[in-house]
Amino acid sequence: ELVRIVLASLTKEGMLFTGDHHPG
């Protein structure tokens, strides 16, 4: 869960999973 929280934060700030797909 801690890893997921970090990944979600990076995603919301546009640093991760920025391609033509939704992080789901």
PDBML (XML) file of the C-alpha atoms, coordinates in Angstrom:
<?xml version="1.0" encoding="UTF-8" ?>
<PDBx:datablock datablockName="MODEL"
   xmlns:PDBx="http://pdbml.pdb.org/schema/pdbx-v50.xsd"
   xmlns:xsi="http://www.w3.org/2001/XMLSchema-instance"
   xsi:schemaLocation="http://pdbml.pdb.org/schema/pdbx-v50.xsd pdbx-v50.xsd">
   <PDBx:atom_siteCategory>
      <PDBx:atom_site id="1">
         <PDBx:B_iso_or_equiv>0.00</PDBx:B_iso_or_equiv>
         <PDBx:Cartn_x>0.000</PDBx:Cartn_x>
         <PDBx:Cartn_y>0.000</PDBx:Cartn_y>
         <PDBx:Cartn_z>0.000</PDBx:Cartn_z>
         <PDBx:auth_asym_id>A</PDBx:auth_asym_id>
         <PDBx:auth_atom_id>CA</PDBx:auth_atom_id>
         <PDBx:auth_comp_id>GLU</PDBx:auth_comp_id>
         <PDBx:auth_seq_id>1</PDBx:auth_seq_id>
         <PDBx:group_PDB>ATOM</PDBx:group_PDB>
         <PDBx:label_alt_id xsi:nil="true" />
         <PDBx:label_asym_id>A</PDBx:label_asym_id>
         <PDBx:label_atom_id>CA</PDBx:label_atom_id>
         <PDBx:label_comp_id>GLU</PDBx:label_comp_id>
         <PDBx:label_entity_id>1</PDBx:label_entity_id>
         <PDBx:label_seq_id>1</PDBx:label_seq_id>
         <PDBx:occupancy>1.00</PDBx:occupancy>
         <PDBx:pdbx_PDB_model_num>1</PDBx:pdbx_PDB_model_num>
         <PDBx:type_symbol>C</PDBx:type_symbol>
      </PDBx:atom_site>
      <PDBx:atom_site id="2">
         <PDBx:B_iso_or_equiv>0.00</PDBx:B_iso_or_equiv>
         <PDBx:Cartn_x>2.870</PDBx:Cartn_x>
         <PDBx:Cartn_y>2.375</PDBx:Cartn_y>
         <PDBx:Cartn_z>0.726</PDBx:Cartn_z>
         <PDBx:auth_asym_id>A</PDBx:auth_asym_id>
         <PDBx:auth_atom_id>CA</PDBx:auth_atom_id>
         <PDBx:auth_comp_id>LEU</PDBx:auth_comp_id>
         <PDBx:auth_seq_id>2</PDBx:auth_seq_id>
         <PDBx:group_PDB>ATOM</PDBx:group_PDB>
         <PDBx:label_alt_id xsi:nil="true" />
         <PDBx:label_asym_id>A</PDBx:label_asym_id>
         <PDBx:label_atom_id>CA</PDBx:label_atom_id>
         <PDBx:label_comp_id>LEU</PDBx:label_comp_id>
         <PDBx:label_entity_id>1</PDBx:label_entity_id>
         <PDBx:label_seq_id>2</PDBx:label_seq_id>
         <PDBx:occupancy>1.00</PDBx:occupancy>
         <PDBx:pdbx_PDB_model_num>1</PDBx:pdbx_PDB_model_num>
         <PDBx:type_symbol>C</PDBx:type_symbol>
      </PDBx:atom_site>
      <PDBx:atom_site id="3">
         <PDBx:B_iso_or_equiv>0.00</PDBx:B_iso_or_equiv>
         <PDBx:Cartn_x>4.329</PDBx:Cartn_x>
         <PDBx:Cartn_y>1.746</PDBx:Cartn_y>
         <PDBx:Cartn_z>-2.747</PDBx:Cartn_z>
         <PDBx:auth_asym_id>A</PDBx:auth_asym_id>
         <PDBx:auth_atom_id>CA</PDBx:auth_atom_id>
         <PDBx:auth_comp_id>VAL</PDBx:auth_comp_id>
         <PDBx:auth_seq_id>3</PDBx:auth_seq_id>
         <PDBx:group_PDB>ATOM</PDBx:group_PDB>
         <PDBx:label_alt_id xsi:nil="true" />
         <PDBx:label_asym_id>A</PDBx:label_asym_id>
         <PDBx:label_atom_id>CA</PDBx:label_atom_id>
         <PDBx:label_comp_id>VAL</PDBx:label_comp_id>
         <PDBx:label_entity_id>1</PDBx:label_entity_id>
         <PDBx:label_seq_id>3</PDBx:label_seq_id>
         <PDBx:occupancy>1.00</PDBx:occupancy>
         <PDBx:pdbx_PDB_model_num>1</PDBx:pdbx_PDB_model_num>
         <PDBx:type_symbol>C</PDBx:type_symbol>
      </PDBx:atom_site>
      <PDBx:atom_site id="4">
         <PDBx:B_iso_or_equiv>0.00</PDBx:B_iso_or_equiv>
         <PDBx:Cartn_x>0.875</PDBx:Cartn_x>
         <PDBx:Cartn_y>2.275</PDBx:Cartn_y>
         <PDBx:Cartn_z>-4.268</PDBx:Cartn_z>
         <PDBx:auth_asym_id>A</PDBx:auth_asym_id>
         <PDBx:auth_atom_id>CA</PDBx:auth_atom_id>
         <PDBx:auth_comp_id>ARG</PDBx:auth_comp_id>
         <PDBx:auth_seq_id>4</PDBx:auth_seq_id>
         <PDBx:group_PDB>ATOM</PDBx:group_PDB>
         <PDBx:label_alt_id xsi:nil="true" />
         <PDBx:label_asym_id>A</PDBx:label_asym_id>
         <PDBx:label_atom_id>CA</PDBx:label_atom_id>
         <PDBx:label_comp_id>ARG</PDBx:label_comp_id>
         <PDBx:label_entity_id>1</PDBx:label_entity_id>
         <PDBx:label_seq_id>4</PDBx:label_seq_id>
         <PDBx:occupancy>1.00</PDBx:occupancy>
         <PDBx:pdbx_PDB_model_num>1</PDBx:pdbx_PDB_model_num>
         <PDBx:type_symbol>C</PDBx:type_symbol>
      </PDBx:atom_site>
      <PDBx:atom_site id="5">
         <PDBx:B_iso_or_equiv>0.00</PDBx:B_iso_or_equiv>
         <PDBx:Cartn_x>0.485</PDBx:Cartn_x>
         <PDBx:Cartn_y>5.610</PDBx:Cartn_y>
         <PDBx:Cartn_z>-2.466</PDBx:Cartn_z>
         <PDBx:auth_asym_id>A</PDBx:auth_asym_id>
         <PDBx:auth_atom_id>CA</PDBx:auth_atom_id>
         <PDBx:auth_comp_id>ILE</PDBx:auth_comp_id>
         <PDBx:auth_seq_id>5</PDBx:auth_seq_id>
         <PDBx:group_PDB>ATOM</PDBx:group_PDB>
         <PDBx:label_alt_id xsi:nil="true" />
         <PDBx:label_asym_id>A</PDBx:label_asym_id>
         <PDBx:label_atom_id>CA</PDBx:label_atom_id>
         <PDBx:label_comp_id>ILE</PDBx:label_comp_id>
         <PDBx:label_entity_id>1</PDBx:label_entity_id>
         <PDBx:label_seq_id>5</PDBx:label_seq_id>
         <PDBx:occupancy>1.00</PDBx:occupancy>
         <PDBx:pdbx_PDB_model_num>1</PDBx:pdbx_PDB_model_num>
         <PDBx:type_symbol>C</PDBx:type_symbol>
      </PDBx:atom_site>
      <PDBx:atom_site id="6">
         <PDBx:B_iso_or_equiv>0.00</PDBx:B_iso_or_equiv>
         <PDBx:Cartn_x>3.835</PDBx:Cartn_x>
         <PDBx:Cartn_y>6.852</PDBx:Cartn_y>
         <PDBx:Cartn_z>-3.840</PDBx:Cartn_z>
         <PDBx:auth_asym_id>A</PDBx:auth_asym_id>
         <PDBx:auth_atom_id>CA</PDBx:auth_atom_id>
         <PDBx:auth_comp_id>VAL</PDBx:auth_comp_id>
         <PDBx:auth_seq_id>6</PDBx:auth_seq_id>
         <PDBx:group_PDB>ATOM</PDBx:group_PDB>
         <PDBx:label_alt_id xsi:nil="true" />
         <PDBx:label_asym_id>A</PDBx:label_asym_id>
         <PDBx:label_atom_id>CA</PDBx:label_atom_id>
         <PDBx:label_comp_id>VAL</PDBx:label_comp_id>
         <PDBx:label_entity_id>1</PDBx:label_entity_id>
         <PDBx:label_seq_id>6</PDBx:label_seq_id>
         <PDBx:occupancy>1.00</PDBx:occupancy>
         <PDBx:pdbx_PDB_model_num>1</PDBx:pdbx_PDB_model_num>
         <PDBx:type_symbol>C</PDBx:type_symbol>
      </PDBx:atom_site>
      <PDBx:atom_site id="7">
         <PDBx:B_iso_or_equiv>0.00</PDBx:B_iso_or_equiv>
         <PDBx:Cartn_x>2.962</PDBx:Cartn_x>
         <PDBx:Cartn_y>5.687</PDBx:Cartn_y>
         <PDBx:Cartn_z>-7.372</PDBx:Cartn_z>
         <PDBx:auth_asym_id>A</PDBx:auth_asym_id>
         <PDBx:auth_atom_id>CA</PDBx:auth_atom_id>
         <PDBx:auth_comp_id>LEU</PDBx:auth_comp_id>
         <PDBx:auth_seq_id>7</PDBx:auth_seq_id>
         <PDBx:group_PDB>ATOM</PDBx:group_PDB>
         <PDBx:label_alt_id xsi:nil="true" />
         <PDBx:label_asym_id>A</PDBx:label_asym_id>
         <PDBx:label_atom_id>CA</PDBx:label_atom_id>
         <PDBx:label_comp_id>LEU</PDBx:label_comp_id>
         <PDBx:label_entity_id>1</PDBx:label_entity_id>
         <PDBx:label_seq_id>7</PDBx:label_seq_id>
         <PDBx:occupancy>1.00</PDBx:occupancy>
         <PDBx:pdbx_PDB_model_num>1</PDBx:pdbx_PDB_model_num>
         <PDBx:type_symbol>C</PDBx:type_symbol>
      </PDBx:atom_site>
      <PDBx:atom_site id="8">
         <PDBx:B_iso_or_equiv>0.00</PDBx:B_iso_or_equiv>
         <PDBx:Cartn_x>-0.485</PDBx:Cartn_x>
         <PDBx:Cartn_y>7.314</PDBx:Cartn_y>
         <PDBx:Cartn_z>-7.161</PDBx:Cartn_z>
         <PDBx:auth_asym_id>A</PDBx:auth_asym_id>
         <PDBx:auth_atom_id>CA</PDBx:auth_atom_id>
         <PDBx:auth_comp_id>ALA</PDBx:auth_comp_id>
         <PDBx:auth_seq_id>8</PDBx:auth_seq_id>
         <PDBx:group_PDB>ATOM</PDBx:group_PDB>
         <PDBx:label_alt_id xsi:nil="true" />
         <PDBx:label_asym_id>A</PDBx:label_asym_id>
         <PDBx:label_atom_id>CA</PDBx:label_atom_id>
         <PDBx:label_comp_id>ALA</PDBx:label_comp_id>
         <PDBx:label_entity_id>1</PDBx:label_entity_id>
         <PDBx:label_seq_id>8</PDBx:label_seq_id>
         <PDBx:occupancy>1.00</PDBx:occupancy>
         <PDBx:pdbx_PDB_model_num>1</PDBx:pdbx_PDB_model_num>
         <PDBx:type_symbol>C</PDBx:type_symbol>
      </PDBx:atom_site>
      <PDBx:atom_site id="9">
         <PDBx:B_iso_or_equiv>0.00</PDBx:B_iso_or_equiv>
         <PDBx:Cartn_x>1.096</PDBx:Cartn_x>
         <PDBx:Cartn_y>10.597</PDBx:Cartn_y>
         <PDBx:Cartn_z>-6.044</PDBx:Cartn_z>
         <PDBx:auth_asym_id>A</PDBx:auth_asym_id>
         <PDBx:auth_atom_id>CA</PDBx:auth_atom_id>
         <PDBx:auth_comp_id>SER</PDBx:auth_comp_id>
         <PDBx:auth_seq_id>9</PDBx:auth_seq_id>
         <PDBx:group_PDB>ATOM</PDBx:group_PDB>
         <PDBx:label_alt_id xsi:nil="true" />
         <PDBx:label_asym_id>A</PDBx:label_asym_id>
         <PDBx:label_atom_id>CA</PDBx:label_atom_id>
         <PDBx:label_comp_id>SER</PDBx:label_comp_id>
         <PDBx:label_entity_id>1</PDBx:label_entity_id>
         <PDBx:label_seq_id>9</PDBx:label_seq_id>
         <PDBx:occupancy>1.00</PDBx:occupancy>
         <PDBx:pdbx_PDB_model_num>1</PDBx:pdbx_PDB_model_num>
         <PDBx:type_symbol>C</PDBx:type_symbol>
      </PDBx:atom_site>
      <PDBx:atom_site id="10">
         <PDBx:B_iso_or_equiv>0.00</PDBx:B_iso_or_equiv>
         <PDBx:Cartn_x>3.580</PDBx:Cartn_x>
         <PDBx:Cartn_y>10.547</PDBx:Cartn_y>
         <PDBx:Cartn_z>-8.945</PDBx:Cartn_z>
         <PDBx:auth_asym_id>A</PDBx:auth_asym_id>
         <PDBx:auth_atom_id>CA</PDBx:auth_atom_id>
         <PDBx:auth_comp_id>LEU</PDBx:auth_comp_id>
         <PDBx:auth_seq_id>10</PDBx:auth_seq_id>
         <PDBx:group_PDB>ATOM</PDBx:group_PDB>
         <PDBx:label_alt_id xsi:nil="true" />
         <PDBx:label_asym_id>A</PDBx:label_asym_id>
         <PDBx:label_atom_id>CA</PDBx:label_atom_id>
         <PDBx:label_comp_id>LEU</PDBx:label_comp_id>
         <PDBx:label_entity_id>1</PDBx:label_entity_id>
         <PDBx:label_seq_id>10</PDBx:label_seq_id>
         <PDBx:occupancy>1.00</PDBx:occupancy>
         <PDBx:pdbx_PDB_model_num>1</PDBx:pdbx_PDB_model_num>
         <PDBx:type_symbol>C</PDBx:type_symbol>
      </PDBx:atom_site>
      <PDBx:atom_site id="11">
         <PDBx:B_iso_or_equiv>0.00</PDBx:B_iso_or_equiv>
         <PDBx:Cartn_x>0.738</PDBx:Cartn_x>
         <PDBx:Cartn_y>9.749</PDBx:Cartn_y>
         <PDBx:Cartn_z>-11.343</PDBx:Cartn_z>
         <PDBx:auth_asym_id>A</PDBx:auth_asym_id>
         <PDBx:auth_atom_id>CA</PDBx:auth_atom_id>
         <PDBx:auth_comp_id>THR</PDBx:auth_comp_id>
         <PDBx:auth_seq_id>11</PDBx:auth_seq_id>
         <PDBx:group_PDB>ATOM</PDBx:group_PDB>
         <PDBx:label_alt_id xsi:nil="true" />
         <PDBx:label_asym_id>A</PDBx:label_asym_id>
         <PDBx:label_atom_id>CA</PDBx:label_atom_id>
         <PDBx:label_comp_id>THR</PDBx:label_comp_id>
         <PDBx:label_entity_id>1</PDBx:label_entity_id>
         <PDBx:label_seq_id>11</PDBx:label_seq_id>
         <PDBx:occupancy>1.00</PDBx:occupancy>
         <PDBx:pdbx_PDB_model_num>1</PDBx:pdbx_PDB_model_num>
         <PDBx:type_symbol>C</PDBx:type_symbol>
      </PDBx:atom_site>
      <PDBx:atom_site id="12">
         <PDBx:B_iso_or_equiv>0.00</PDBx:B_iso_or_equiv>
         <PDBx:Cartn_x>-1.421</PDBx:Cartn_x>
         <PDBx:Cartn_y>12.617</PDBx:Cartn_y>
         <PDBx:Cartn_z>-10.117</PDBx:Cartn_z>
         <PDBx:auth_asym_id>A</PDBx:auth_asym_id>
         <PDBx:auth_atom_id>CA</PDBx:auth_atom_id>
         <PDBx:auth_comp_id>LYS</PDBx:auth_comp_id>
         <PDBx:auth_seq_id>12</PDBx:auth_seq_id>
         <PDBx:group_PDB>ATOM</PDBx:group_PDB>
         <PDBx:label_alt_id xsi:nil="true" />
         <PDBx:label_asym_id>A</PDBx:label_asym_id>
         <PDBx:label_atom_id>CA</PDBx:label_atom_id>
         <PDBx:label_comp_id>LYS</PDBx:label_comp_id>
         <PDBx:label_entity_id>1</PDBx:label_entity_id>
         <PDBx:label_seq_id>12</PDBx:label_seq_id>
         <PDBx:occupancy>1.00</PDBx:occupancy>
         <PDBx:pdbx_PDB_model_num>1</PDBx:pdbx_PDB_model_num>
         <PDBx:type_symbol>C</PDBx:type_symbol>
      </PDBx:atom_site>
      <PDBx:atom_site id="13">
         <PDBx:B_iso_or_equiv>0.00</PDBx:B_iso_or_equiv>
         <PDBx:Cartn_x>1.503</PDBx:Cartn_x>
         <PDBx:Cartn_y>14.998</PDBx:Cartn_y>
         <PDBx:Cartn_z>-10.569</PDBx:Cartn_z>
         <PDBx:auth_asym_id>A</PDBx:auth_asym_id>
         <PDBx:auth_atom_id>CA</PDBx:auth_atom_id>
         <PDBx:auth_comp_id>GLU</PDBx:auth_comp_id>
         <PDBx:auth_seq_id>13</PDBx:auth_seq_id>
         <PDBx:group_PDB>ATOM</PDBx:group_PDB>
         <PDBx:label_alt_id xsi:nil="true" />
         <PDBx:label_asym_id>A</PDBx:label_asym_id>
         <PDBx:label_atom_id>CA</PDBx:label_atom_id>
         <PDBx:label_comp_id>GLU</PDBx:label_comp_id>
         <PDBx:label_entity_id>1</PDBx:label_entity_id>
         <PDBx:label_seq_id>13</PDBx:label_seq_id>
         <PDBx:occupancy>1.00</PDBx:occupancy>
         <PDBx:pdbx_PDB_model_num>1</PDBx:pdbx_PDB_model_num>
         <PDBx:type_symbol>C</PDBx:type_symbol>
      </PDBx:atom_site>
      <PDBx:atom_site id="14">
         <PDBx:B_iso_or_equiv>0.00</PDBx:B_iso_or_equiv>
         <PDBx:Cartn_x>2.027</PDBx:Cartn_x>
         <PDBx:Cartn_y>13.874</PDBx:Cartn_y>
         <PDBx:Cartn_z>-14.155</PDBx:Cartn_z>
         <PDBx:auth_asym_id>A</PDBx:auth_asym_id>
         <PDBx:auth_atom_id>CA</PDBx:auth_atom_id>
         <PDBx:auth_comp_id>GLY</PDBx:auth_comp_id>
         <PDBx:auth_seq_id>14</PDBx:auth_seq_id>
         <PDBx:group_PDB>ATOM</PDBx:group_PDB>
         <PDBx:label_alt_id xsi:nil="true" />
         <PDBx:label_asym_id>A</PDBx:label_asym_id>
         <PDBx:label_atom_id>CA</PDBx:label_atom_id>
         <PDBx:label_comp_id>GLY</PDBx:label_comp_id>
         <PDBx:label_entity_id>1</PDBx:label_entity_id>
         <PDBx:label_seq_id>14</PDBx:label_seq_id>
         <PDBx:occupancy>1.00</PDBx:occupancy>
         <PDBx:pdbx_PDB_model_num>1</PDBx:pdbx_PDB_model_num>
         <PDBx:type_symbol>C</PDBx:type_symbol>
      </PDBx:atom_site>
      <PDBx:atom_site id="15">
         <PDBx:B_iso_or_equiv>0.00</PDBx:B_iso_or_equiv>
         <PDBx:Cartn_x>5.339</PDBx:Cartn_x>
         <PDBx:Cartn_y>12.087</PDBx:Cartn_y>
         <PDBx:Cartn_z>-13.621</PDBx:Cartn_z>
         <PDBx:auth_asym_id>A</PDBx:auth_asym_id>
         <PDBx:auth_atom_id>CA</PDBx:auth_atom_id>
         <PDBx:auth_comp_id>MET</PDBx:auth_comp_id>
         <PDBx:auth_seq_id>15</PDBx:auth_seq_id>
         <PDBx:group_PDB>ATOM</PDBx:group_PDB>
         <PDBx:label_alt_id xsi:nil="true" />
         <PDBx:label_asym_id>A</PDBx:label_asym_id>
         <PDBx:label_atom_id>CA</PDBx:label_atom_id>
         <PDBx:label_comp_id>MET</PDBx:label_comp_id>
         <PDBx:label_entity_id>1</PDBx:label_entity_id>
         <PDBx:label_seq_id>15</PDBx:label_seq_id>
         <PDBx:occupancy>1.00</PDBx:occupancy>
         <PDBx:pdbx_PDB_model_num>1</PDBx:pdbx_PDB_model_num>
         <PDBx:type_symbol>C</PDBx:type_symbol>
      </PDBx:atom_site>
      <PDBx:atom_site id="16">
         <PDBx:B_iso_or_equiv>0.00</PDBx:B_iso_or_equiv>
         <PDBx:Cartn_x>4.114</PDBx:Cartn_x>
         <PDBx:Cartn_y>8.518</PDBx:Cartn_y>
         <PDBx:Cartn_z>-14.169</PDBx:Cartn_z>
         <PDBx:auth_asym_id>A</PDBx:auth_asym_id>
         <PDBx:auth_atom_id>CA</PDBx:auth_atom_id>
         <PDBx:auth_comp_id>LEU</PDBx:auth_comp_id>
         <PDBx:auth_seq_id>16</PDBx:auth_seq_id>
         <PDBx:group_PDB>ATOM</PDBx:group_PDB>
         <PDBx:label_alt_id xsi:nil="true" />
         <PDBx:label_asym_id>A</PDBx:label_asym_id>
         <PDBx:label_atom_id>CA</PDBx:label_atom_id>
         <PDBx:label_comp_id>LEU</PDBx:label_comp_id>
         <PDBx:label_entity_id>1</PDBx:label_entity_id>
         <PDBx:label_seq_id>16</PDBx:label_seq_id>
         <PDBx:occupancy>1.00</PDBx:occupancy>
         <PDBx:pdbx_PDB_model_num>1</PDBx:pdbx_PDB_model_num>
         <PDBx:type_symbol>C</PDBx:type_symbol>
      </PDBx:atom_site>
      <PDBx:atom_site id="17">
         <PDBx:B_iso_or_equiv>0.00</PDBx:B_iso_or_equiv>
         <PDBx:Cartn_x>1.769</PDBx:Cartn_x>
         <PDBx:Cartn_y>6.693</PDBx:Cartn_y>
         <PDBx:Cartn_z>-16.570</PDBx:Cartn_z>
         <PDBx:auth_asym_id>A</PDBx:auth_asym_id>
         <PDBx:auth_atom_id>CA</PDBx:auth_atom_id>
         <PDBx:auth_comp_id>PHE</PDBx:auth_comp_id>
         <PDBx:auth_seq_id>17</PDBx:auth_seq_id>
         <PDBx:group_PDB>ATOM</PDBx:group_PDB>
         <PDBx:label_alt_id xsi:nil="true" />
         <PDBx:label_asym_id>A</PDBx:label_asym_id>
         <PDBx:label_atom_id>CA</PDBx:label_atom_id>
         <PDBx:label_comp_id>PHE</PDBx:label_comp_id>
         <PDBx:label_entity_id>1</PDBx:label_entity_id>
         <PDBx:label_seq_id>17</PDBx:label_seq_id>
         <PDBx:occupancy>1.00</PDBx:occupancy>
         <PDBx:pdbx_PDB_model_num>1</PDBx:pdbx_PDB_model_num>
         <PDBx:type_symbol>C</PDBx:type_symbol>
      </PDBx:atom_site>
      <PDBx:atom_site id="18">
         <PDBx:B_iso_or_equiv>0.00</PDBx:B_iso_or_equiv>
         <PDBx:Cartn_x>1.394</PDBx:Cartn_x>
         <PDBx:Cartn_y>9.708</PDBx:Cartn_y>
         <PDBx:Cartn_z>-18.860</PDBx:Cartn_z>
         <PDBx:auth_asym_id>A</PDBx:auth_asym_id>
         <PDBx:auth_atom_id>CA</PDBx:auth_atom_id>
         <PDBx:auth_comp_id>THR</PDBx:auth_comp_id>
         <PDBx:auth_seq_id>18</PDBx:auth_seq_id>
         <PDBx:group_PDB>ATOM</PDBx:group_PDB>
         <PDBx:label_alt_id xsi:nil="true" />
         <PDBx:label_asym_id>A</PDBx:label_asym_id>
         <PDBx:label_atom_id>CA</PDBx:label_atom_id>
         <PDBx:label_comp_id>THR</PDBx:label_comp_id>
         <PDBx:label_entity_id>1</PDBx:label_entity_id>
         <PDBx:label_seq_id>18</PDBx:label_seq_id>
         <PDBx:occupancy>1.00</PDBx:occupancy>
         <PDBx:pdbx_PDB_model_num>1</PDBx:pdbx_PDB_model_num>
         <PDBx:type_symbol>C</PDBx:type_symbol>
      </PDBx:atom_site>
      <PDBx:atom_site id="19">
         <PDBx:B_iso_or_equiv>0.00</PDBx:B_iso_or_equiv>
         <PDBx:Cartn_x>0.747</PDBx:Cartn_x>
         <PDBx:Cartn_y>7.728</PDBx:Cartn_y>
         <PDBx:Cartn_z>-22.065</PDBx:Cartn_z>
         <PDBx:auth_asym_id>A</PDBx:auth_asym_id>
         <PDBx:auth_atom_id>CA</PDBx:auth_atom_id>
         <PDBx:auth_comp_id>GLY</PDBx:auth_comp_id>
         <PDBx:auth_seq_id>19</PDBx:auth_seq_id>
         <PDBx:group_PDB>ATOM</PDBx:group_PDB>
         <PDBx:label_alt_id xsi:nil="true" />
         <PDBx:label_asym_id>A</PDBx:label_asym_id>
         <PDBx:label_atom_id>CA</PDBx:label_atom_id>
         <PDBx:label_comp_id>GLY</PDBx:label_comp_id>
         <PDBx:label_entity_id>1</PDBx:label_entity_id>
         <PDBx:label_seq_id>19</PDBx:label_seq_id>
         <PDBx:occupancy>1.00</PDBx:occupancy>
         <PDBx:pdbx_PDB_model_num>1</PDBx:pdbx_PDB_model_num>
         <PDBx:type_symbol>C</PDBx:type_symbol>
      </PDBx:atom_site>
      <PDBx:atom_site id="20">
         <PDBx:B_iso_or_equiv>0.00</PDBx:B_iso_or_equiv>
         <PDBx:Cartn_x>-2.575</PDBx:Cartn_x>
         <PDBx:Cartn_y>7.112</PDBx:Cartn_y>
         <PDBx:Cartn_z>-23.787</PDBx:Cartn_z>
         <PDBx:auth_asym_id>A</PDBx:auth_asym_id>
         <PDBx:auth_atom_id>CA</PDBx:auth_atom_id>
         <PDBx:auth_comp_id>ASP</PDBx:auth_comp_id>
         <PDBx:auth_seq_id>20</PDBx:auth_seq_id>
         <PDBx:group_PDB>ATOM</PDBx:group_PDB>
         <PDBx:label_alt_id xsi:nil="true" />
         <PDBx:label_asym_id>A</PDBx:label_asym_id>
         <PDBx:label_atom_id>CA</PDBx:label_atom_id>
         <PDBx:label_comp_id>ASP</PDBx:label_comp_id>
         <PDBx:label_entity_id>1</PDBx:label_entity_id>
         <PDBx:label_seq_id>20</PDBx:label_seq_id>
         <PDBx:occupancy>1.00</PDBx:occupancy>
         <PDBx:pdbx_PDB_model_num>1</PDBx:pdbx_PDB_model_num>
         <PDBx:type_symbol>C</PDBx:type_symbol>
      </PDBx:atom_site>
      <PDBx:atom_site id="21">
         <PDBx:B_iso_or_equiv>0.00</PDBx:B_iso_or_equiv>
         <PDBx:Cartn_x>-3.911</PDBx:Cartn_x>
         <PDBx:Cartn_y>4.887</PDBx:Cartn_y>
         <PDBx:Cartn_z>-21.066</PDBx:Cartn_z>
         <PDBx:auth_asym_id>A</PDBx:auth_asym_id>
         <PDBx:auth_atom_id>CA</PDBx:auth_atom_id>
         <PDBx:auth_comp_id>HIS</PDBx:auth_comp_id>
         <PDBx:auth_seq_id>21</PDBx:auth_seq_id>
         <PDBx:group_PDB>ATOM</PDBx:group_PDB>
         <PDBx:label_alt_id xsi:nil="true" />
         <PDBx:label_asym_id>A</PDBx:label_asym_id>
         <PDBx:label_atom_id>CA</PDBx:label_atom_id>
         <PDBx:label_comp_id>HIS</PDBx:label_comp_id>
         <PDBx:label_entity_id>1</PDBx:label_entity_id>
         <PDBx:label_seq_id>21</PDBx:label_seq_id>
         <PDBx:occupancy>1.00</PDBx:occupancy>
         <PDBx:pdbx_PDB_model_num>1</PDBx:pdbx_PDB_model_num>
         <PDBx:type_symbol>C</PDBx:type_symbol>
      </PDBx:atom_site>
      <PDBx:atom_site id="22">
         <PDBx:B_iso_or_equiv>0.00</PDBx:B_iso_or_equiv>
         <PDBx:Cartn_x>-5.561</PDBx:Cartn_x>
         <PDBx:Cartn_y>5.334</PDBx:Cartn_y>
         <PDBx:Cartn_z>-17.688</PDBx:Cartn_z>
         <PDBx:auth_asym_id>A</PDBx:auth_asym_id>
         <PDBx:auth_atom_id>CA</PDBx:auth_atom_id>
         <PDBx:auth_comp_id>HIS</PDBx:auth_comp_id>
         <PDBx:auth_seq_id>22</PDBx:auth_seq_id>
         <PDBx:group_PDB>ATOM</PDBx:group_PDB>
         <PDBx:label_alt_id xsi:nil="true" />
         <PDBx:label_asym_id>A</PDBx:label_asym_id>
         <PDBx:label_atom_id>CA</PDBx:label_atom_id>
         <PDBx:label_comp_id>HIS</PDBx:label_comp_id>
         <PDBx:label_entity_id>1</PDBx:label_entity_id>
         <PDBx:label_seq_id>22</PDBx:label_seq_id>
         <PDBx:occupancy>1.00</PDBx:occupancy>
         <PDBx:pdbx_PDB_model_num>1</PDBx:pdbx_PDB_model_num>
         <PDBx:type_symbol>C</PDBx:type_symbol>
      </PDBx:atom_site>
      <PDBx:atom_site id="23">
         <PDBx:B_iso_or_equiv>0.00</PDBx:B_iso_or_equiv>
         <PDBx:Cartn_x>-3.718</PDBx:Cartn_x>
         <PDBx:Cartn_y>4.207</PDBx:Cartn_y>
         <PDBx:Cartn_z>-14.542</PDBx:Cartn_z>
         <PDBx:auth_asym_id>A</PDBx:auth_asym_id>
         <PDBx:auth_atom_id>CA</PDBx:auth_atom_id>
         <PDBx:auth_comp_id>PRO</PDBx:auth_comp_id>
         <PDBx:auth_seq_id>23</PDBx:auth_seq_id>
         <PDBx:group_PDB>ATOM</PDBx:group_PDB>
         <PDBx:label_alt_id xsi:nil="true" />
         <PDBx:label_asym_id>A</PDBx:label_asym_id>
         <PDBx:label_atom_id>CA</PDBx:label_atom_id>
         <PDBx:label_comp_id>PRO</PDBx:label_comp_id>
         <PDBx:label_entity_id>1</PDBx:label_entity_id>
         <PDBx:label_seq_id>23</PDBx:label_seq_id>
         <PDBx:occupancy>1.00</PDBx:occupancy>
         <PDBx:pdbx_PDB_model_num>1</PDBx:pdbx_PDB_model_num>
         <PDBx:type_symbol>C</PDBx:type_symbol>
      </PDBx:atom_site>
      <PDBx:atom_site id="24">
         <PDBx:B_iso_or_equiv>0.00</PDBx:B_iso_or_equiv>
         <PDBx:Cartn_x>-6.907</PDBx:Cartn_x>
         <PDBx:Cartn_y>2.396</PDBx:Cartn_y>
         <PDBx:Cartn_z>-13.520</PDBx:Cartn_z>
         <PDBx:auth_asym_id>A</PDBx:auth_asym_id>
         <PDBx:auth_atom_id>CA</PDBx:auth_atom_id>
         <PDBx:auth_comp_id>GLY</PDBx:auth_comp_id>
         <PDBx:auth_seq_id>24</PDBx:auth_seq_id>
         <PDBx:group_PDB>ATOM</PDBx:group_PDB>
         <PDBx:label_alt_id xsi:nil="true" />
         <PDBx:label_asym_id>A</PDBx:label_asym_id>
         <PDBx:label_atom_id>CA</PDBx:label_atom_id>
         <PDBx:label_comp_id>GLY</PDBx:label_comp_id>
         <PDBx:label_entity_id>1</PDBx:label_entity_id>
         <PDBx:label_seq_id>24</PDBx:label_seq_id>
         <PDBx:occupancy>1.00</PDBx:occupancy>
         <PDBx:pdbx_PDB_model_num>1</PDBx:pdbx_PDB_model_num>
         <PDBx:type_symbol>C</PDBx:type_symbol>
      </PDBx:atom_site>
   </PDBx:atom_siteCategory>
</PDBx:datablock>
